[in-house]
PDB file of N, CA and C in Angstrom:
ATOM      1  N   MET A   1      11.086 -24.092  15.650  1.00  0.00           N
ATOM      2  CA  MET A   1       9.954 -23.322  15.151  1.00  0.00           C
ATOM      3  C   MET A   1       8.649 -24.085  15.381  1.00  0.00           C
ATOM      4  N   LEU A   2       7.602 -23.337  15.578  1.00  0.00           N
ATOM      5  CA  LEU A   2       6.276 -23.901  15.788  1.00  0.00           C
ATOM      6  C   LEU A   2       5.595 -24.107  14.442  1.00  0.00           C
ATOM      7  N   ASP A   3       4.973 -25.255  14.258  1.00  0.00           N
ATOM      8  CA  ASP A   3       4.153 -25.494  13.077  1.00  0.00           C
ATOM      9  C   ASP A   3       2.698 -25.425  13.483  1.00  0.00           C
ATOM     10  N   VAL A   4       1.874 -24.882  12.573  1.00  0.00           N
ATOM     11  CA  VAL A   4       0.443 -24.783  12.791  1.00  0.00           C
ATOM     12  C   VAL A   4      -0.268 -25.346  11.565  1.00  0.00           C
ATOM     13  N   VAL A   5      -1.528 -25.711  11.765  1.00  0.00           N
ATOM     14  CA  VAL A   5      -2.336 -26.206  10.655  1.00  0.00           C
ATOM     15  C   VAL A   5      -3.581 -25.330  10.549  1.00  0.00           C
ATOM     16  N   ALA A   6      -3.985 -25.044   9.322  1.00  0.00           N
ATOM     17  CA  ALA A   6      -5.170 -24.224   9.088  1.00  0.00           C
ATOM     18  C   ALA A   6      -6.425 -25.061   9.342  1.00  0.00           C
ATOM     19  N   VAL A   7      -7.230 -24.625  10.301  1.00  0.00           N
ATOM     20  CA  VAL A   7      -8.500 -25.288  10.588  1.00  0.00           C
ATOM     21  C   VAL A   7      -9.635 -24.590   9.861  1.00  0.00           C
ATOM     22  N   LYS A   8      -9.300 -23.491   9.210  1.00  0.00           N
ATOM     23  CA  LYS A   8     -10.236 -22.746   8.374  1.00  0.00           C
ATOM     24  C   LYS A   8      -9.398 -22.082   7.284  1.00  0.00           C
ATOM     25  N   ALA A   9      -9.893 -22.082   6.060  1.00  0.00           N
ATOM     26  CA  ALA A   9      -9.167 -21.440   4.966  1.00  0.00           C
ATOM     27  C   ALA A   9      -9.084 -19.936   5.209  1.00  0.00           C
ATOM     28  N   HIS A  10      -7.973 -19.325   4.806  1.00  0.00           N
ATOM     29  CA  HIS A  10      -7.812 -17.873   4.909  1.00  0.00           C
ATOM     30  C   HIS A  10      -7.603 -17.301   3.517  1.00  0.00           C
ATOM     31  N   GLN A  11      -8.546 -16.467   3.087  1.00  0.00           N
ATOM     32  CA  GLN A  11      -8.453 -15.782   1.798  1.00  0.00           C
ATOM     33  C   GLN A  11      -7.880 -14.390   2.036  1.00  0.00           C
ATOM     34  N   ILE A  12      -7.060 -13.912   1.123  1.00  0.00           N
ATOM     35  CA  ILE A  12      -6.436 -12.606   1.314  1.00  0.00           C
ATOM     36  C   ILE A  12      -7.204 -11.520   0.562  1.00  0.00           C
ATOM     37  N   SER A  13      -7.012 -10.303   1.011  1.00  0.00           N
ATOM     38  CA  SER A  13      -7.640  -9.127   0.421  1.00  0.00           C
ATOM     39  C   SER A  13      -7.080  -8.867  -0.969  1.00  0.00           C
ATOM     40  N   ALA A  14      -7.879  -8.239  -1.810  1.00  0.00           N
ATOM     41  CA  ALA A  14      -7.411  -7.867  -3.145  1.00  0.00           C
ATOM     42  C   ALA A  14      -6.508  -6.631  -3.087  1.00  0.00           C
ATOM     43  N   ARG A  15      -6.506  -5.917  -1.957  1.00  0.00           N
ATOM     44  CA  ARG A  15      -5.682  -4.713  -1.805  1.00  0.00           C
ATOM     45  C   ARG A  15      -4.210  -5.107  -1.791  1.00  0.00           C
ATOM     46  N   PRO A  16      -3.378  -4.417  -2.574  1.00  0.00           N
ATOM     47  CA  PRO A  16      -1.947  -4.747  -2.551  1.00  0.00           C
ATOM     48  C   PRO A  16      -1.355  -4.499  -1.162  1.00  0.00           C
ATOM     49  N   PRO A  17      -0.424  -5.334  -0.734  1.00  0.00           N
ATOM     50  CA  PRO A  17       0.199  -5.118   0.575  1.00  0.00           C
ATOM     51  C   PRO A  17       1.054  -3.851   0.565  1.00  0.00           C
ATOM     52  N   VAL A  18       1.273  -3.310   1.751  1.00  0.00           N
ATOM     53  CA  VAL A  18       2.113  -2.129   1.899  1.00  0.00           C
ATOM     54  C   VAL A  18       3.196  -2.437   2.930  1.00  0.00           C
ATOM     55  N   GLN A  19       4.401  -1.978   2.644  1.00  0.00           N
ATOM     56  CA  GLN A  19       5.517  -2.147   3.567  1.00  0.00           C
ATOM     57  C   GLN A  19       5.863  -0.765   4.110  1.00  0.00           C
ATOM     58  N   LEU A  20       5.601  -0.562   5.394  1.00  0.00           N
ATOM     59  CA  LEU A  20       5.867   0.724   6.038  1.00  0.00           C
ATOM     60  C   LEU A  20       7.203   0.681   6.752  1.00  0.00           C
ATOM     61  N   GLU A  21       7.933   1.784   6.690  1.00  0.00           N
ATOM     62  CA  GLU A  21       9.242   1.903   7.324  1.00  0.00           C
ATOM     63  C   GLU A  21       9.186   2.936   8.442  1.00  0.00           C
ATOM     64  N   VAL A  22      10.107   2.836   9.381  1.00  0.00           N
ATOM     65  CA  VAL A  22      10.202   3.808  10.466  1.00  0.00           C
ATOM     66  C   VAL A  22      10.341   5.205   9.868  1.00  0.00           C
ATOM     67  N   GLY A  23       9.531   6.135  10.375  1.00  0.00           N
ATOM     68  CA  GLY A  23       9.580   7.513   9.901  1.00  0.00           C
ATOM     69  C   GLY A  23       8.554   7.844   8.846  1.00  0.00           C
ATOM     70  N   ASP A  24       7.951   6.842   8.201  1.00  0.00           N
ATOM     71  CA  ASP A  24       6.887   7.120   7.238  1.00  0.00           C
ATOM     72  C   ASP A  24       5.754   7.858   7.940  1.00  0.00           C
ATOM     73  N   VAL A  25       5.168   8.828   7.263  1.00  0.00           N
ATOM     74  CA  VAL A  25       4.030   9.565   7.801  1.00  0.00           C
ATOM     75  C   VAL A  25       2.774   9.015   7.130  1.00  0.00           C
ATOM     76  N   VAL A  26       1.767   8.713   7.943  1.00  0.00           N
ATOM     77  CA  VAL A  26       0.512   8.140   7.441  1.00  0.00           C
ATOM     78  C   VAL A  26      -0.673   8.888   8.048  1.00  0.00           C
ATOM     79  N   ALA A  27      -1.786   8.827   7.350  1.00  0.00           N
ATOM     80  CA  ALA A  27      -3.050   9.330   7.880  1.00  0.00           C
ATOM     81  C   ALA A  27      -3.769   8.141   8.490  1.00  0.00           C
ATOM     82  N   VAL A  28      -4.162   8.264   9.747  1.00  0.00           N
ATOM     83  CA  VAL A  28      -4.840   7.176  10.448  1.00  0.00           C
ATOM     84  C   VAL A  28      -6.335   7.345  10.288  1.00  0.00           C
ATOM     85  N   GLY A  29      -6.975   6.282   9.806  1.00  0.00           N
ATOM     86  CA  GLY A  29      -8.417   6.306   9.612  1.00  0.00           C
ATOM     87  C   GLY A  29      -9.128   5.490  10.677  1.00  0.00           C
ATOM     88  N   GLU A  30     -10.115   4.735  10.239  1.00  0.00           N
ATOM     89  CA  GLU A  30     -10.971   3.980  11.158  1.00  0.00           C
ATOM     90  C   GLU A  30     -10.246   2.837  11.859  1.00  0.00           C
ATOM     91  N   ARG A  31     -10.777   2.450  13.016  1.00  0.00           N
ATOM     92  CA  ARG A  31     -10.305   1.274  13.743  1.00  0.00           C
ATOM     93  C   ARG A  31     -11.147   0.095  13.268  1.00  0.00           C
ATOM     94  N   ASP A  32     -10.522  -1.057  13.101  1.00  0.00           N
ATOM     95  CA  ASP A  32     -11.225  -2.258  12.650  1.00  0.00           C
ATOM     96  C   ASP A  32     -12.122  -2.793  13.765  1.00  0.00           C
ATOM     97  N   VAL A  33     -13.352  -3.070  13.450  1.00  0.00           N
ATOM     98  CA  VAL A  33     -14.312  -3.571  14.430  1.00  0.00           C
ATOM     99  C   VAL A  33     -13.999  -5.020  14.794  1.00  0.00           C
ATOM    100  N   ASP A  34     -13.635  -5.821  13.799  1.00  0.00           N
ATOM    101  CA  ASP A  34     -13.357  -7.238  14.017  1.00  0.00           C
ATOM    102  C   ASP A  34     -11.972  -7.474  14.627  1.00  0.00           C
ATOM    103  N   TRP A  35     -11.032  -6.623  14.311  1.00  0.00           N
ATOM    104  CA  TRP A  35      -9.649  -6.718  14.795  1.00  0.00           C
ATOM    105  C   TRP A  35      -9.294  -5.394  15.466  1.00  0.00           C
ATOM    106  N   PRO A  36      -9.669  -5.167  16.723  1.00  0.00           N
ATOM    107  CA  PRO A  36      -9.522  -3.854  17.369  1.00  0.00           C
ATOM    108  C   PRO A  36      -8.088  -3.348  17.526  1.00  0.00           C
ATOM    109  N   ALA A  37      -7.092  -4.178  17.372  1.00  0.00           N
ATOM    110  CA  ALA A  37      -5.703  -3.710  17.450  1.00  0.00           C
ATOM    111  C   ALA A  37      -5.306  -2.923  16.197  1.00  0.00           C
ATOM    112  N   PHE A  38      -6.106  -3.017  15.122  1.00  0.00           N
ATOM    113  CA  PHE A  38      -5.740  -2.454  13.829  1.00  0.00           C
ATOM    114  C   PHE A  38      -6.486  -1.169  13.494  1.00  0.00           C
ATOM    115  N   VAL A  39      -5.750  -0.252  12.839  1.00  0.00           N
ATOM    116  CA  VAL A  39      -6.335   0.952  12.254  1.00  0.00           C
ATOM    117  C   VAL A  39      -5.957   0.980  10.777  1.00  0.00           C
ATOM    118  N   PHE A  40      -6.797   1.635   9.969  1.00  0.00           N
ATOM    119  CA  PHE A  40      -6.521   1.740   8.539  1.00  0.00           C
ATOM    120  C   PHE A  40      -5.670   2.975   8.305  1.00  0.00           C
ATOM    121  N   VAL A  41      -4.536   2.806   7.638  1.00  0.00           N
ATOM    122  CA  VAL A  41      -3.639   3.930   7.374  1.00  0.00           C
ATOM    123  C   VAL A  41      -3.458   4.126   5.876  1.00  0.00           C
ATOM    124  N   THR A  42      -3.191   5.386   5.508  1.00  0.00           N
ATOM    125  CA  THR A  42      -2.906   5.735   4.125  1.00  0.00           C
ATOM    126  C   THR A  42      -1.665   6.612   4.120  1.00  0.00           C
ATOM    127  N   GLY A  43      -0.713   6.259   3.268  1.00  0.00           N
ATOM    128  CA  GLY A  43       0.525   7.032   3.167  1.00  0.00           C
ATOM    129  C   GLY A  43       1.098   6.939   1.770  1.00  0.00           C
ATOM    130  N   ALA A  44       2.300   7.447   1.604  1.00  0.00           N
ATOM    131  CA  ALA A  44       2.953   7.472   0.293  1.00  0.00           C
ATOM    132  C   ALA A  44       3.200   6.073  -0.261  1.00  0.00           C
ATOM    133  N   ARG A  45       3.343   5.080   0.616  1.00  0.00           N
ATOM    134  CA  ARG A  45       3.623   3.708   0.173  1.00  0.00           C
ATOM    135  C   ARG A  45       2.360   2.898  -0.114  1.00  0.00           C
ATOM    136  N   GLY A  46       1.192   3.454   0.218  1.00  0.00           N
ATOM    137  CA  GLY A  46      -0.069   2.748  -0.001  1.00  0.00           C
ATOM    138  C   GLY A  46      -0.935   2.803   1.239  1.00  0.00           C
ATOM    139  N   SER A  47      -1.914   1.925   1.286  1.00  0.00           N
ATOM    140  CA  SER A  47      -2.825   1.908   2.427  1.00  0.00           C
ATOM    141  C   SER A  47      -3.095   0.477   2.858  1.00  0.00           C
ATOM    142  N   GLY A  48      -3.433   0.341   4.148  1.00  0.00           N
ATOM    143  CA  GLY A  48      -3.730  -0.981   4.677  1.00  0.00           C
ATOM    144  C   GLY A  48      -3.949  -0.931   6.174  1.00  0.00           C
ATOM    145  N   TRP A  49      -4.201  -2.091   6.757  1.00  0.00           N
ATOM    146  CA  TRP A  49      -4.478  -2.227   8.182  1.00  0.00           C
ATOM    147  C   TRP A  49      -3.188  -2.489   8.940  1.00  0.00           C
ATOM    148  N   VAL A  50      -2.957  -1.699   9.983  1.00  0.00           N
ATOM    149  CA  VAL A  50      -1.725  -1.766  10.759  1.00  0.00           C
ATOM    150  C   VAL A  50      -2.069  -1.727  12.243  1.00  0.00           C
ATOM    151  N   PRO A  51      -1.423  -2.540  13.089  1.00  0.00           N
ATOM    152  CA  PRO A  51      -1.655  -2.417  14.527  1.00  0.00           C
ATOM    153  C   PRO A  51      -1.287  -0.999  14.992  1.00  0.00           C
ATOM    154  N   SER A  52      -2.181  -0.362  15.720  1.00  0.00           N
ATOM    155  CA  SER A  52      -1.972   1.034  16.123  1.00  0.00           C
ATOM    156  C   SER A  52      -0.726   1.203  16.987  1.00  0.00           C
ATOM    157  N   ARG A  53      -0.285   0.157  17.678  1.00  0.00           N
ATOM    158  CA  ARG A  53       0.904   0.290  18.531  1.00  0.00           C
ATOM    159  C   ARG A  53       2.182   0.552  17.729  1.00  0.00           C
ATOM    160  N   HIS A  54       2.129   0.376  16.404  1.00  0.00           N
ATOM    161  CA  HIS A  54       3.282   0.648  15.548  1.00  0.00           C
ATOM    162  C   HIS A  54       3.345   2.109  15.107  1.00  0.00           C
ATOM    163  N   LEU A  55       2.375   2.904  15.579  1.00  0.00           N
ATOM    164  CA  LEU A  55       2.259   4.300  15.150  1.00  0.00           C
ATOM    165  C   LEU A  55       2.409   5.262  16.324  1.00  0.00           C
ATOM    166  N   SER A  56       2.763   6.501  16.015  1.00  0.00           N
ATOM    167  CA  SER A  56       2.941   7.520  17.053  1.00  0.00           C
ATOM    168  C   SER A  56       1.617   8.079  17.558  1.00  0.00           C
ATOM    169  N   ALA A  57       0.527   7.877  16.816  1.00  0.00           N
ATOM    170  CA  ALA A  57      -0.791   8.370  17.222  1.00  0.00           C
ATOM    171  C   ALA A  57      -1.861   7.412  16.708  1.00  0.00           C
ATOM    172  N   GLU A  58      -3.016   7.398  17.363  1.00  0.00           N
ATOM    173  CA  GLU A  58      -4.098   6.494  16.965  1.00  0.00           C
ATOM    174  C   GLU A  58      -5.135   7.169  16.085  1.00  0.00           C
ATOM    175  N   THR A  59      -5.023   8.483  15.915  1.00  0.00           N
ATOM    176  CA  THR A  59      -5.920   9.234  15.037  1.00  0.00           C
ATOM    177  C   THR A  59      -5.124  10.323  14.340  1.00  0.00           C
ATOM    178  N   GLY A  60      -5.688  10.851  13.269  1.00  0.00           N
ATOM    179  CA  GLY A  60      -5.039  11.949  12.558  1.00  0.00           C
ATOM    180  C   GLY A  60      -3.794  11.510  11.825  1.00  0.00           C
ATOM    181  N   GLN A  61      -2.773  12.363  11.896  1.00  0.00           N
ATOM    182  CA  GLN A  61      -1.497  12.046  11.237  1.00  0.00           C
ATOM    183  C   GLN A  61      -0.583  11.350  12.240  1.00  0.00           C
ATOM    184  N   ALA A  62       0.132  10.341  11.775  1.00  0.00           N
ATOM    185  CA  ALA A  62       1.021   9.584  12.662  1.00  0.00           C
ATOM    186  C   ALA A  62       2.303   9.230  11.917  1.00  0.00           C
ATOM    187  N   THR A  63       3.331   8.953  12.711  1.00  0.00           N
ATOM    188  CA  THR A  63       4.608   8.487  12.185  1.00  0.00           C
ATOM    189  C   THR A  63       4.741   7.011  12.527  1.00  0.00           C
ATOM    190  N   VAL A  64       5.253   6.239  11.581  1.00  0.00           N
ATOM    191  CA  VAL A  64       5.473   4.817  11.810  1.00  0.00           C
ATOM    192  C   VAL A  64       6.673   4.656  12.747  1.00  0.00           C
ATOM    193  N   LEU A  65       6.473   3.945  13.864  1.00  0.00           N
ATOM    194  CA  LEU A  65       7.525   3.737  14.861  1.00  0.00           C
ATOM    195  C   LEU A  65       8.266   2.421  14.683  1.00  0.00           C
ATOM    196  N   THR A  66       7.578   1.437  14.083  1.00  0.00           N
ATOM    197  CA  THR A  66       8.123   0.098  13.885  1.00  0.00           C
ATOM    198  C   THR A  66       7.805  -0.325  12.451  1.00  0.00           C
ATOM    199  N   PRO A  67       8.760  -0.860  11.706  1.00  0.00           N
ATOM    200  CA  PRO A  67       8.450  -1.318  10.349  1.00  0.00           C
ATOM    201  C   PRO A  67       7.298  -2.326  10.382  1.00  0.00           C
ATOM    202  N   TYR A  68       6.444  -2.280   9.366  1.00  0.00           N
ATOM    203  CA  TYR A  68       5.326  -3.212   9.323  1.00  0.00           C
ATOM    204  C   TYR A  68       4.985  -3.529   7.871  1.00  0.00           C
ATOM    205  N   ASP A  69       4.772  -4.800   7.602  1.00  0.00           N
ATOM    206  CA  ASP A  69       4.425  -5.311   6.273  1.00  0.00           C
ATOM    207  C   ASP A  69       3.025  -5.906   6.372  1.00  0.00           C
ATOM    208  N   THR A  70       2.087  -5.436   5.558  1.00  0.00           N
ATOM    209  CA  THR A  70       0.702  -5.901   5.642  1.00  0.00           C
ATOM    210  C   THR A  70       0.423  -7.161   4.814  1.00  0.00           C
ATOM    211  N   THR A  71       1.451  -7.772   4.250  1.00  0.00           N
ATOM    212  CA  THR A  71       1.264  -8.958   3.411  1.00  0.00           C
ATOM    213  C   THR A  71       0.565 -10.071   4.183  1.00  0.00           C
ATOM    214  N   GLU A  72      -0.502 -10.600   3.595  1.00  0.00           N
ATOM    215  CA  GLU A  72      -1.191 -11.754   4.173  1.00  0.00           C
ATOM    216  C   GLU A  72      -0.852 -12.995   3.368  1.00  0.00           C
ATOM    217  N   LEU A  73      -0.939 -14.126   4.025  1.00  0.00           N
ATOM    218  CA  LEU A  73      -0.655 -15.411   3.392  1.00  0.00           C
ATOM    219  C   LEU A  73      -1.955 -16.195   3.271  1.00  0.00           C
ATOM    220  N   PRO A  74      -2.367 -16.554   2.048  1.00  0.00           N
ATOM    221  CA  PRO A  74      -3.554 -17.398   1.941  1.00  0.00           C
ATOM    222  C   PRO A  74      -3.238 -18.790   2.489  1.00  0.00           C
ATOM    223  N   ALA A  75      -4.236 -19.397   3.107  1.00  0.00           N
ATOM    224  CA  ALA A  75      -4.038 -20.743   3.660  1.00  0.00           C
ATOM    225  C   ALA A  75      -5.248 -21.596   3.324  1.00  0.00           C
ATOM    226  N   SER A  76      -4.996 -22.812   2.914  1.00  0.00           N
ATOM    227  CA  SER A  76      -6.055 -23.773   2.613  1.00  0.00           C
ATOM    228  C   SER A  76      -6.346 -24.620   3.840  1.00  0.00           C
ATOM    229  N   LEU A  77      -7.571 -25.066   3.963  1.00  0.00           N
ATOM    230  CA  LEU A  77      -7.954 -25.953   5.056  1.00  0.00           C
ATOM    231  C   LEU A  77      -7.009 -27.153   5.101  1.00  0.00           C
ATOM    232  N   GLY A  78      -6.424 -27.419   6.262  1.00  0.00           N
ATOM    233  CA  GLY A  78      -5.516 -28.547   6.436  1.00  0.00           C
ATOM    234  C   GLY A  78      -4.065 -28.263   6.101  1.00  0.00           C
ATOM    235  N   GLU A  79      -3.775 -27.086   5.567  1.00  0.00           N
ATOM    236  CA  GLU A  79      -2.390 -26.738   5.204  1.00  0.00           C
ATOM    237  C   GLU A  79      -1.547 -26.513   6.460  1.00  0.00           C
ATOM    238  N   THR A  80      -0.332 -27.030   6.445  1.00  0.00           N
ATOM    239  CA  THR A  80       0.599 -26.831   7.549  1.00  0.00           C
ATOM    240  C   THR A  80       1.513 -25.662   7.217  1.00  0.00           C
ATOM    241  N   LEU A  81       1.690 -24.771   8.193  1.00  0.00           N
ATOM    242  CA  LEU A  81       2.521 -23.577   8.037  1.00  0.00           C
ATOM    243  C   LEU A  81       3.527 -23.505   9.170  1.00  0.00           C
ATOM    244  N   GLU A  82       4.661 -22.878   8.910  1.00  0.00           N
ATOM    245  CA  GLU A  82       5.668 -22.649   9.933  1.00  0.00           C
ATOM    246  C   GLU A  82       5.491 -21.229  10.473  1.00  0.00           C
ATOM    247  N   VAL A  83       5.422 -21.075  11.785  1.00  0.00           N
ATOM    248  CA  VAL A  83       5.301 -19.755  12.402  1.00  0.00           C
ATOM    249  C   VAL A  83       6.684 -19.118  12.466  1.00  0.00           C
ATOM    250  N   VAL A  84       6.800 -17.915  11.896  1.00  0.00           N
ATOM    251  CA  VAL A  84       8.060 -17.177  11.894  1.00  0.00           C
ATOM    252  C   VAL A  84       8.029 -16.092  12.973  1.00  0.00           C
ATOM    253  N   ILE A  85       6.902 -15.374  13.072  1.00  0.00           N
ATOM    254  CA  ILE A  85       6.729 -14.301  14.052  1.00  0.00           C
ATOM    255  C   ILE A  85       5.354 -14.422  14.682  1.00  0.00           C
ATOM    256  N   ARG A  86       5.316 -14.347  16.000  1.00  0.00           N
ATOM    257  CA  ARG A  86       4.043 -14.341  16.734  1.00  0.00           C
ATOM    258  C   ARG A  86       3.673 -12.898  17.062  1.00  0.00           C
ATOM    259  N   ASP A  87       2.419 -12.540  16.813  1.00  0.00           N
ATOM    260  CA  ASP A  87       1.905 -11.245  17.257  1.00  0.00           C
ATOM    261  C   ASP A  87       0.599 -11.531  17.986  1.00  0.00           C
ATOM    262  N   ASP A  88       0.744 -12.090  19.186  1.00  0.00           N
ATOM    263  CA  ASP A  88      -0.429 -12.489  19.964  1.00  0.00           C
ATOM    264  C   ASP A  88      -1.331 -11.305  20.281  1.00  0.00           C
ATOM    265  N   GLU A  89      -0.747 -10.127  20.454  1.00  0.00           N
ATOM    266  CA  GLU A  89      -1.543  -8.944  20.798  1.00  0.00           C
ATOM    267  C   GLU A  89      -2.551  -8.595  19.699  1.00  0.00           C
ATOM    268  N   SER A  90      -2.152  -8.756  18.447  1.00  0.00           N
ATOM    269  CA  SER A  90      -3.061  -8.427  17.350  1.00  0.00           C
ATOM    270  C   SER A  90      -3.884  -9.625  16.882  1.00  0.00           C
ATOM    271  N   GLY A  91      -3.451 -10.839  17.251  1.00  0.00           N
ATOM    272  CA  GLY A  91      -4.194 -12.027  16.840  1.00  0.00           C
ATOM    273  C   GLY A  91      -3.776 -12.601  15.494  1.00  0.00           C
ATOM    274  N   TRP A  92      -2.558 -12.288  15.063  1.00  0.00           N
ATOM    275  CA  TRP A  92      -2.063 -12.775  13.774  1.00  0.00           C
ATOM    276  C   TRP A  92      -0.671 -13.377  13.950  1.00  0.00           C
ATOM    277  N   LEU A  93      -0.318 -14.304  13.047  1.00  0.00           N
ATOM    278  CA  LEU A  93       1.005 -14.923  13.018  1.00  0.00           C
ATOM    279  C   LEU A  93       1.616 -14.721  11.631  1.00  0.00           C
ATOM    280  N   TRP A  94       2.904 -14.377  11.589  1.00  0.00           N
ATOM    281  CA  TRP A  94       3.627 -14.319  10.310  1.00  0.00           C
ATOM    282  C   TRP A  94       4.110 -15.737  10.054  1.00  0.00           C
ATOM    283  N   CYS A  95       3.619 -16.330   8.971  1.00  0.00           N
ATOM    284  CA  CYS A  95       3.888 -17.746   8.696  1.00  0.00           C
ATOM    285  C   CYS A  95       4.585 -17.922   7.353  1.00  0.00           C
ATOM    286  N   ARG A  96       5.189 -19.102   7.196  1.00  0.00           N
ATOM    287  CA  ARG A  96       5.834 -19.500   5.946  1.00  0.00           C
ATOM    288  C   ARG A  96       5.163 -20.783   5.465  1.00  0.00           C
ATOM    289  N   SER A  97       4.807 -20.800   4.186  1.00  0.00           N
ATOM    290  CA  SER A  97       4.199 -21.996   3.599  1.00  0.00           C
ATOM    291  C   SER A  97       5.277 -22.980   3.176  1.00  0.00           C
ATOM    292  N   ALA A  98       4.864 -24.166   2.777  1.00  0.00           N
ATOM    293  CA  ALA A  98       5.803 -25.207   2.342  1.00  0.00           C
ATOM    294  C   ALA A  98       6.612 -24.781   1.124  1.00  0.00           C
ATOM    295  N   VAL A  99       6.058 -23.855   0.303  1.00  0.00           N
ATOM    296  CA  VAL A  99       6.775 -23.382  -0.886  1.00  0.00           C
ATOM    297  C   VAL A  99       7.573 -22.108  -0.615  1.00  0.00           C
ATOM    298  N   GLY A 100       7.607 -21.661   0.664  1.00  0.00           N
ATOM    299  CA  GLY A 100       8.434 -20.523   1.035  1.00  0.00           C
ATOM    300  C   GLY A 100       7.760 -19.173   1.017  1.00  0.00           C
ATOM    301  N   ARG A 101       6.489 -19.118   0.659  1.00  0.00           N
ATOM    302  CA  ARG A 101       5.765 -17.845   0.667  1.00  0.00           C
ATOM    303  C   ARG A 101       5.478 -17.452   2.111  1.00  0.00           C
ATOM    304  N   GLU A 102       5.547 -16.147   2.439  1.00  0.00           N
ATOM    305  CA  GLU A 102       5.330 -15.688   3.804  1.00  0.00           C
ATOM    306  C   GLU A 102       4.274 -14.594   3.881  1.00  0.00           C
ATOM    307  N   GLY A 103       3.629 -14.495   5.054  1.00  0.00           N
ATOM    308  CA  GLY A 103       2.668 -13.429   5.296  1.00  0.00           C
ATOM    309  C   GLY A 103       1.884 -13.702   6.564  1.00  0.00           C
ATOM    310  N   TRP A 104       1.005 -12.761   6.896  1.00  0.00           N
ATOM    311  CA  TRP A 104       0.184 -12.849   8.106  1.00  0.00           C
ATOM    312  C   TRP A 104      -1.017 -13.756   7.909  1.00  0.00           C
ATOM    313  N   VAL A 105      -1.327 -14.545   8.936  1.00  0.00           N
ATOM    314  CA  VAL A 105      -2.507 -15.411   8.965  1.00  0.00           C
ATOM    315  C   VAL A 105      -3.154 -15.230  10.337  1.00  0.00           C
ATOM    316  N   PRO A 106      -4.486 -15.070  10.389  1.00  0.00           N
ATOM    317  CA  PRO A 106      -5.121 -14.897  11.700  1.00  0.00           C
ATOM    318  C   PRO A 106      -5.025 -16.160  12.553  1.00  0.00           C
ATOM    319  N   THR A 107      -4.700 -15.977  13.836  1.00  0.00           N
ATOM    320  CA  THR A 107      -4.537 -17.114  14.729  1.00  0.00           C
ATOM    321  C   THR A 107      -5.829 -17.904  14.891  1.00  0.00           C
ATOM    322  N   ARG A 108      -6.978 -17.258  14.757  1.00  0.00           N
ATOM    323  CA  ARG A 108      -8.242 -17.976  14.939  1.00  0.00           C
ATOM    324  C   ARG A 108      -8.543 -18.965  13.812  1.00  0.00           C
ATOM    325  N   THR A 109      -7.733 -18.964  12.760  1.00  0.00           N
ATOM    326  CA  THR A 109      -7.897 -19.945  11.686  1.00  0.00           C
ATOM    327  C   THR A 109      -6.882 -21.070  11.780  1.00  0.00           C
ATOM    328  N   LEU A 110      -6.060 -21.067  12.842  1.00  0.00           N
ATOM    329  CA  LEU A 110      -4.959 -22.012  12.974  1.00  0.00           C
ATOM    330  C   LEU A 110      -4.988 -22.738  14.315  1.00  0.00           C
ATOM    331  N   ARG A 111      -4.323 -23.880  14.362  1.00  0.00           N
ATOM    332  CA  ARG A 111      -4.083 -24.573  15.639  1.00  0.00           C
ATOM    333  C   ARG A 111      -2.714 -25.207  15.553  1.00  0.00           C
ATOM    334  N   PRO A 112      -2.057 -25.392  16.710  1.00  0.00           N
ATOM    335  CA  PRO A 112      -0.733 -26.038  16.687  1.00  0.00           C
ATOM    336  C   PRO A 112      -0.835 -27.463  16.143  1.00  0.00           C
ATOM    337  N   VAL A 113       0.227 -27.874  15.447  1.00  0.00           N
ATOM    338  CA  VAL A 113       0.308 -29.247  14.965  1.00  0.00           C
ATOM    339  C   VAL A 113       0.573 -30.146  16.161  1.00  0.00           C
ATOM    340  N   ASP A 114      -0.176 -31.223  16.279  1.00  0.00           N
ATOM    341  CA  ASP A 114       0.011 -32.166  17.379  1.00  0.00           C
ATOM    342  C   ASP A 114       1.363 -32.862  17.254  1.00  0.00           C
ATOM    343  N   GLY A 115       1.990 -33.078  18.421  1.00  0.00           N
ATOM    344  CA  GLY A 115       3.212 -33.856  18.467  1.00  0.00           C
ATOM    345  C   GLY A 115       4.402 -33.039  18.253  1.00  0.00           C
TER     346      GLY A 115
END
């Protein structure tokens, strides 16, 4: 597994995370200006930012094609994290902290651990 270190702290949103399953129907809203791979969706399980490639459509009503969990992981400057899943296309990594907590962290706040 790859280890990374936070070169910038990552604070998480106050919005509760949403776990979407294949077949869930969501309403697709705006595209994120800062993270263009993401659109804001609202469905029965809640709302949050999801990469549009996980959906059947980029506007209007869409069906979830791939399960997606919007949980983010807060990271402190200098904290070392283990990379569990890479999503280079969206610019985020699913990481695990030293205490076992997991979630998405933006790649632009991280760098590989030397050595």
